[in-house]
Amino acid sequence: MNAKDFEKEFNKEFADKDYQDAPDKEELKIDEMQKTNKSRVFDEAAGGRVVLCGANAYEQKYYFNPVFKQIPESIKKELNIISVLFTQEAGGIFTIVFEEDGNISIETNADEEDITYDEITAGLLVSEVRRKRQDLFEALGLYYRIYVLHENPADILDE
């Protein structure tokens, strides 16, 4: 899927969402972002955890971990949208990471020289993403625990 097709799909699916009412609607174009060779930076920065996806505002690249290619396309698209819109709004580098216990962490950071990156805005956006997409992140956490960590689903439901 190319960038224009993706943007059309995004506009159809989220026509009634806050994104369309944004004052800078023209600036919210979703660029074609592909896996970069520097994706290893995401993996190294994770410190033993597993990176699900990430976006880099400096290189305008999006990374989705191919280990999770069996995740449904609609969820992959939603993760792409979340990541790209976050970096367009706050800048810096945005990553969604699976912790060792299966929980999901949302992280953002920036280059030291980046004077346009606003830590307060980034923190507020992380809170908003976590709040609005709580169900998605809980489902991804369950997916990771069952299919990657091979935990017993009955034990997870008992918790």
Protein backbone atom coordinates (compact mmCIF):
# COMPACT_ATOMS: atom_id res chain seq x y z
CA MET A 1 0.00 0.00 0.00
CA ASN A 2 1.47 3.35 -0.96
CA ALA A 3 1.20 6.58 1.03
CA LYS A 4 -1.78 7.98 -0.91
CA ASP A 5 -3.82 4.79 -0.54
CA PHE A 6 -2.97 4.70 3.16
CA GLU A 7 -4.07 8.31 3.61
CA LYS A 8 -7.38 7.62 1.81
CA GLU A 9 -7.97 4.61 4.06
CA PHE A 10 -7.09 6.72 7.10
CA ASN A 11 -9.52 9.47 6.08
CA LYS A 12 -12.35 6.96 5.52
CA GLU A 13 -11.80 5.19 8.83
CA PHE A 14 -11.22 8.25 10.99
CA ALA A 15 -13.40 10.82 9.23
CA ASP A 16 -15.29 11.63 12.41
CA LYS A 17 -12.25 11.62 14.73
CA ASP A 18 -10.38 14.55 16.23
CA TYR A 19 -7.63 14.28 13.61
CA GLN A 20 -9.87 15.67 10.90
CA ASP A 21 -10.89 18.68 13.00
CA ALA A 22 -7.31 19.70 13.71
CA PRO A 23 -6.48 23.26 12.66
CA ASP A 24 -3.37 22.06 10.80
CA LYS A 25 -5.24 19.37 8.87
CA GLU A 26 -3.02 19.84 5.83
CA GLU A 27 0.08 19.17 7.96
CA LEU A 28 -1.25 15.82 9.14
CA LYS A 29 -0.40 14.08 5.89
CA ILE A 30 0.94 10.61 6.50
CA ASP A 31 4.18 10.13 4.65
CA GLU A 32 5.20 6.80 3.26
CA MET A 33 7.44 5.42 5.97
CA GLN A 34 9.33 2.24 5.53
CA LYS A 35 11.56 0.10 7.69
CA THR A 36 14.94 1.69 7.99
CA ASN A 37 18.30 0.00 8.35
CA LYS A 38 18.63 1.96 11.53
CA SER A 39 15.83 -0.08 13.05
CA ARG A 40 18.53 -1.76 15.06
CA VAL A 41 18.72 1.50 17.02
CA PHE A 42 15.20 0.77 18.28
CA ASP A 43 16.22 -2.77 19.24
CA GLU A 44 19.40 -1.66 21.00
CA ALA A 45 17.59 1.13 22.85
CA ALA A 46 15.08 -1.38 24.19
CA GLY A 47 17.54 -2.92 26.65
CA GLY A 48 16.43 -6.55 26.31
CA ARG A 49 12.77 -5.72 25.77
CA VAL A 50 11.03 -6.28 22.44
CA VAL A 51 10.13 -3.28 20.28
CA LEU A 52 6.75 -3.60 18.59
CA CYS A 53 6.98 -0.45 16.49
CA GLY A 54 8.40 3.02 16.42
CA ALA A 55 8.62 6.21 14.42
CA ASN A 56 11.48 8.65 14.02
CA ALA A 57 10.64 12.27 13.23
CA TYR A 58 14.23 13.09 12.25
CA GLU A 59 14.44 10.48 9.50
CA GLN A 60 10.67 10.38 8.87
CA LYS A 61 10.73 6.60 9.13
CA TYR A 62 8.37 4.07 10.65
CA TYR A 63 9.49 0.68 11.92
CA PHE A 64 7.29 -2.33 12.59
CA ASN A 65 8.98 -5.40 14.04
CA PRO A 66 8.62 -8.21 11.47
CA VAL A 67 8.43 -10.75 14.31
CA PHE A 68 4.83 -9.60 14.76
CA LYS A 69 3.79 -9.81 11.10
CA GLN A 70 0.84 -12.07 12.02
CA ILE A 71 -0.90 -9.22 13.85
CA PRO A 72 -4.02 -8.19 11.85
CA GLU A 73 -3.55 -5.44 9.25
CA SER A 74 -6.07 -3.13 10.92
CA ILE A 75 -4.03 -3.14 14.14
CA LYS A 76 -0.79 -2.59 12.22
CA LYS A 77 -2.40 0.43 10.50
CA GLU A 78 -3.61 1.81 13.81
CA LEU A 79 -0.13 1.46 15.33
CA ASN A 80 1.32 3.19 12.27
CA ILE A 81 -1.15 6.06 12.59
CA ILE A 82 -0.51 6.44 16.33
CA SER A 83 3.26 6.48 15.84
CA VAL A 84 3.36 8.80 12.84
CA LEU A 85 0.85 11.31 14.23
CA PHE A 86 2.72 11.37 17.54
CA THR A 87 6.04 12.20 15.90
CA GLN A 88 4.42 14.81 13.67
CA GLU A 89 2.88 16.49 16.70
CA ALA A 90 5.67 16.21 19.29
CA GLY A 91 8.73 15.29 17.23
CA GLY A 92 11.50 13.06 18.46
CA ILE A 93 11.46 9.28 18.49
CA PHE A 94 8.39 7.32 19.56
CA THR A 95 8.43 3.60 20.40
CA ILE A 96 5.95 1.03 21.65
CA VAL A 97 7.78 -1.71 23.54
CA PHE A 98 6.80 -5.02 25.10
CA GLU A 99 8.28 -5.38 28.58
CA GLU A 100 9.60 -8.76 29.71
CA ASP A 101 6.36 -9.44 31.61
CA GLY A 102 4.15 -8.68 28.56
CA ASN A 103 3.11 -5.16 29.55
CA ILE A 104 3.41 -2.40 26.98
CA SER A 105 5.49 0.73 27.43
CA ILE A 106 5.17 3.84 25.33
CA GLU A 107 8.38 5.80 25.16
CA THR A 108 9.50 9.01 23.56
CA ASN A 109 12.84 10.77 23.45
CA ALA A 110 14.70 13.32 21.38
CA ASP A 111 18.17 14.33 20.31
CA GLU A 112 19.86 16.67 22.76
CA GLU A 113 20.19 19.36 20.07
CA ASP A 114 16.48 19.29 19.18
CA ILE A 115 15.07 22.57 20.48
CA THR A 116 11.66 21.97 18.87
CA TYR A 117 10.93 18.84 20.96
CA ASP A 118 8.63 19.62 23.86
CA GLU A 119 8.80 17.10 26.72
CA ILE A 120 5.57 18.36 28.27
CA THR A 121 3.60 18.01 25.04
CA ALA A 122 5.15 14.58 24.46
CA GLY A 123 4.19 13.46 27.98
CA LEU A 124 0.63 14.68 27.54
CA LEU A 125 0.35 12.94 24.17
CA VAL A 126 1.66 9.67 25.64
CA SER A 127 -1.01 9.90 28.36
CA GLU A 128 -3.70 10.62 25.79
CA VAL A 129 -2.64 7.75 23.52
CA ARG A 130 -2.53 5.38 26.48
CA ARG A 131 -5.98 6.49 27.65
CA LYS A 132 -7.69 6.42 24.23
CA ARG A 133 -6.09 3.16 23.10
CA GLN A 134 -6.13 1.29 26.41
CA ASP A 135 -8.12 -1.63 24.97
CA LEU A 136 -5.71 -1.98 22.06
CA PHE A 137 -2.68 -2.08 24.36
CA GLU A 138 -4.32 -4.56 26.73
CA ALA A 139 -5.15 -6.85 23.79
CA LEU A 140 -1.60 -6.57 22.44
CA GLY A 141 -0.25 -7.40 25.91
CA LEU A 142 -2.43 -10.51 26.05
CA TYR A 143 -1.35 -11.47 22.55
CA TYR A 144 2.31 -11.16 23.55
CA ARG A 145 1.86 -13.17 26.74
CA ILE A 146 -0.01 -16.00 24.99
CA TYR A 147 1.78 -16.27 21.62
CA VAL A 148 5.30 -15.09 22.46
CA LEU A 149 5.76 -15.93 26.13
CA HIS A 150 3.55 -19.05 25.75
CA GLU A 151 1.62 -18.43 28.96
CA ASN A 152 -1.51 -20.44 29.64
CA PRO A 153 -4.60 -18.35 28.68
CA ALA A 154 -6.55 -19.84 31.62
CA ASP A 155 -3.94 -18.55 34.06
CA ILE A 156 -4.05 -15.10 32.48
CA LEU A 157 -7.86 -14.96 32.75
CA ASP A 158 -7.68 -16.01 36.42
CA GLU A 159 -5.61 -12.91 37.14
